[in-house]
């Protein structure tokens, strides 16, 4: 497969992810996770919004602002290192955990496309 086809496939994948993220609701588990761990639920919302917002720029063929791109280049764990302490608890919330992973994978694919 050539580079051009790889890029087209990546764009198609990101467009599908865009549809999923904008038509899905955040997992209700965020509040329960916050109550159990004390980790601010806003951290999750900020990360999900960063990924979805950045994805909207990509789908609309626009340039992601530099400050936003700088933050986007950091993983969820890099942005919110306290999650490492609660990783085993996060895994006990399968819907929230999978949503974080989906956003993290989407973030990586955005970075791969624009590099």
C-alpha atoms as a PDB file:
ATOM      1  CA  UNK A   1       0.000   0.000   0.000  1.00  0.00           C
ATOM      2  CA  UNK A   2       1.386   3.407  -0.856  1.00  0.00           C
ATOM      3  CA  UNK A   3       1.625   6.444   1.392  1.00  0.00           C
ATOM      4  CA  UNK A   4      -1.211   8.240  -0.380  1.00  0.00           C
ATOM      5  CA  UNK A   5      -3.584   5.307   0.200  1.00  0.00           C
ATOM      6  CA  UNK A   6      -2.479   5.042   3.843  1.00  0.00           C
ATOM      7  CA  UNK A   7      -3.306   8.717   4.325  1.00  0.00           C
ATOM      8  CA  UNK A   8      -6.716   8.311   2.657  1.00  0.00           C
ATOM      9  CA  UNK A   9      -7.458   5.339   4.913  1.00  0.00           C
ATOM     10  CA  UNK A  10      -6.416   7.356   7.955  1.00  0.00           C
ATOM     11  CA  UNK A  11      -8.629  10.279   6.907  1.00  0.00           C
ATOM     12  CA  UNK A  12     -11.583   7.918   6.396  1.00  0.00           C
ATOM     13  CA  UNK A  13     -10.980   6.385   9.818  1.00  0.00           C
ATOM     14  CA  UNK A  14     -10.825   9.809  11.451  1.00  0.00           C
ATOM     15  CA  UNK A  15     -14.054  10.856   9.745  1.00  0.00           C
ATOM     16  CA  UNK A  16     -15.773   7.777  11.174  1.00  0.00           C
ATOM     17  CA  UNK A  17     -14.323   8.524  14.605  1.00  0.00           C
ATOM     18  CA  UNK A  18     -15.594  12.085  14.289  1.00  0.00           C
ATOM     19  CA  UNK A  19     -19.112  10.802  13.686  1.00  0.00           C
ATOM     20  CA  UNK A  20     -18.862   8.443  16.637  1.00  0.00           C
ATOM     21  CA  UNK A  21     -17.502  11.047  19.053  1.00  0.00           C
ATOM     22  CA  UNK A  22     -20.057  13.681  18.135  1.00  0.00           C
ATOM     23  CA  UNK A  23     -22.984  11.282  18.343  1.00  0.00           C
ATOM     24  CA  UNK A  24     -22.006   9.547  21.563  1.00  0.00           C
ATOM     25  CA  UNK A  25     -22.490  10.658  25.137  1.00  0.00           C
ATOM     26  CA  UNK A  26     -19.829  10.682  27.786  1.00  0.00           C
ATOM     27  CA  UNK A  27     -19.902   7.632  30.041  1.00  0.00           C
ATOM     28  CA  UNK A  28     -21.861   8.175  33.253  1.00  0.00           C
ATOM     29  CA  UNK A  29     -19.025   6.399  35.057  1.00  0.00           C
ATOM     30  CA  UNK A  30     -17.015   9.633  35.131  1.00  0.00           C
ATOM     31  CA  UNK A  31     -18.933  10.858  38.167  1.00  0.00           C
ATOM     32  CA  UNK A  32     -18.610   7.532  39.995  1.00  0.00           C
ATOM     33  CA  UNK A  33     -14.906   7.430  39.204  1.00  0.00           C
ATOM     34  CA  UNK A  34     -14.482  10.941  40.589  1.00  0.00           C
ATOM     35  CA  UNK A  35     -16.357  10.013  43.766  1.00  0.00           C
ATOM     36  CA  UNK A  36     -14.226   6.897  44.252  1.00  0.00           C
ATOM     37  CA  UNK A  37     -10.839   8.425  43.496  1.00  0.00           C
ATOM     38  CA  UNK A  38     -11.159  12.169  43.994  1.00  0.00           C
ATOM     39  CA  UNK A  39      -9.761  12.733  40.496  1.00  0.00           C
ATOM     40  CA  UNK A  40     -11.583  15.655  38.928  1.00  0.00           C
ATOM     41  CA  UNK A  41     -14.105  14.596  36.299  1.00  0.00           C
ATOM     42  CA  UNK A  42     -13.250  17.789  34.458  1.00  0.00           C
ATOM     43  CA  UNK A  43      -9.918  16.228  33.488  1.00  0.00           C
ATOM     44  CA  UNK A  44     -11.770  13.625  31.441  1.00  0.00           C
ATOM     45  CA  UNK A  45     -14.074  16.203  29.881  1.00  0.00           C
ATOM     46  CA  UNK A  46     -11.125  18.429  28.972  1.00  0.00           C
ATOM     47  CA  UNK A  47      -9.295  15.545  27.298  1.00  0.00           C
ATOM     48  CA  UNK A  48     -12.360  14.332  25.401  1.00  0.00           C
ATOM     49  CA  UNK A  49     -13.107  17.878  24.257  1.00  0.00           C
ATOM     50  CA  UNK A  50      -9.506  18.417  23.166  1.00  0.00           C
ATOM     51  CA  UNK A  51      -9.584  15.285  21.014  1.00  0.00           C
ATOM     52  CA  UNK A  52     -13.040  15.935  19.540  1.00  0.00           C
ATOM     53  CA  UNK A  53     -12.283  19.589  18.869  1.00  0.00           C
ATOM     54  CA  UNK A  54      -8.965  18.761  17.226  1.00  0.00           C
ATOM     55  CA  UNK A  55     -10.680  16.099  15.183  1.00  0.00           C
ATOM     56  CA  UNK A  56     -13.205  18.655  13.942  1.00  0.00           C
ATOM     57  CA  UNK A  57     -10.329  20.767  12.594  1.00  0.00           C
ATOM     58  CA  UNK A  58      -8.935  17.736  10.762  1.00  0.00           C
ATOM     59  CA  UNK A  59     -12.293  16.749   9.267  1.00  0.00           C
ATOM     60  CA  UNK A  60     -12.899  20.349   8.156  1.00  0.00           C
ATOM     61  CA  UNK A  61      -9.390  20.415   6.642  1.00  0.00           C
ATOM     62  CA  UNK A  62      -8.307  23.278   8.910  1.00  0.00           C
ATOM     63  CA  UNK A  63      -5.106  23.837  10.821  1.00  0.00           C
ATOM     64  CA  UNK A  64      -5.165  23.007  14.535  1.00  0.00           C
ATOM     65  CA  UNK A  65      -4.040  26.053  16.563  1.00  0.00           C
ATOM     66  CA  UNK A  66      -0.431  25.752  17.787  1.00  0.00           C
ATOM     67  CA  UNK A  67      -1.261  25.830  21.503  1.00  0.00           C
ATOM     68  CA  UNK A  68      -3.940  23.217  21.051  1.00  0.00           C
ATOM     69  CA  UNK A  69      -1.613  21.044  18.983  1.00  0.00           C
ATOM     70  CA  UNK A  70       1.056  21.264  21.676  1.00  0.00           C
ATOM     71  CA  UNK A  71      -1.375  19.886  24.263  1.00  0.00           C
ATOM     72  CA  UNK A  72      -2.745  17.309  21.809  1.00  0.00           C
ATOM     73  CA  UNK A  73       0.728  15.852  21.418  1.00  0.00           C
ATOM     74  CA  UNK A  74       0.594  14.770  25.061  1.00  0.00           C
ATOM     75  CA  UNK A  75      -1.169  11.565  26.044  1.00  0.00           C
ATOM     76  CA  UNK A  76      -3.926  11.500  28.638  1.00  0.00           C
ATOM     77  CA  UNK A  77      -1.407  10.212  31.184  1.00  0.00           C
ATOM     78  CA  UNK A  78       1.031  12.999  30.356  1.00  0.00           C
ATOM     79  CA  UNK A  79      -1.649  15.655  30.727  1.00  0.00           C
ATOM     80  CA  UNK A  80      -3.104  14.115  33.892  1.00  0.00           C
ATOM     81  CA  UNK A  81      -0.318  12.075  35.554  1.00  0.00           C
ATOM     82  CA  UNK A  82      -2.472  11.373  38.620  1.00  0.00           C
ATOM     83  CA  UNK A  83      -4.381   8.822  36.515  1.00  0.00           C
ATOM     84  CA  UNK A  84      -1.439   6.436  36.873  1.00  0.00           C
ATOM     85  CA  UNK A  85      -2.295   6.111  40.562  1.00  0.00           C
ATOM     86  CA  UNK A  86      -5.848   5.131  39.664  1.00  0.00           C
ATOM     87  CA  UNK A  87      -5.216   3.015  36.552  1.00  0.00           C
ATOM     88  CA  UNK A  88      -6.366  -0.200  38.241  1.00  0.00           C
ATOM     89  CA  UNK A  89      -9.563   1.538  39.373  1.00  0.00           C
ATOM     90  CA  UNK A  90     -10.150   2.996  35.901  1.00  0.00           C
ATOM     91  CA  UNK A  91     -10.012  -0.527  34.496  1.00  0.00           C
ATOM     92  CA  UNK A  92     -12.894  -1.473  36.791  1.00  0.00           C
ATOM     93  CA  UNK A  93     -15.040   1.030  34.862  1.00  0.00           C
ATOM     94  CA  UNK A  94     -15.049  -0.711  31.450  1.00  0.00           C
ATOM     95  CA  UNK A  95     -17.120   1.876  29.571  1.00  0.00           C
ATOM     96  CA  UNK A  96     -15.085   4.832  30.840  1.00  0.00           C
ATOM     97  CA  UNK A  97     -11.827   2.968  30.320  1.00  0.00           C
ATOM     98  CA  UNK A  98     -12.709   2.077  26.722  1.00  0.00           C
ATOM     99  CA  UNK A  99     -13.815   5.665  26.043  1.00  0.00           C
ATOM    100  CA  UNK A 100     -10.475   6.978  27.301  1.00  0.00           C
ATOM    101  CA  UNK A 101      -8.660   4.423  25.135  1.00  0.00           C
ATOM    102  CA  UNK A 102     -10.759   5.325  22.087  1.00  0.00           C
ATOM    103  CA  UNK A 103      -9.962   9.012  22.529  1.00  0.00           C
ATOM    104  CA  UNK A 104      -6.294   8.235  23.098  1.00  0.00           C
ATOM    105  CA  UNK A 105      -6.144   6.173  19.911  1.00  0.00           C
ATOM    106  CA  UNK A 106      -7.951   8.941  18.036  1.00  0.00           C
ATOM    107  CA  UNK A 107      -5.438  11.467  19.390  1.00  0.00           C
ATOM    108  CA  UNK A 108      -2.558   9.318  18.123  1.00  0.00           C
ATOM    109  CA  UNK A 109      -4.140   9.019  14.691  1.00  0.00           C
ATOM    110  CA  UNK A 110      -4.636  12.788  14.440  1.00  0.00           C
ATOM    111  CA  UNK A 111      -0.952  13.284  15.249  1.00  0.00           C
ATOM    112  CA  UNK A 112       0.026  10.629  12.690  1.00  0.00           C
ATOM    113  CA  UNK A 113      -2.010  12.356   9.994  1.00  0.00           C
ATOM    114  CA  UNK A 114      -0.637  15.836  10.526  1.00  0.00           C
ATOM    115  CA  UNK A 115       2.999  14.812  10.819  1.00  0.00           C
END
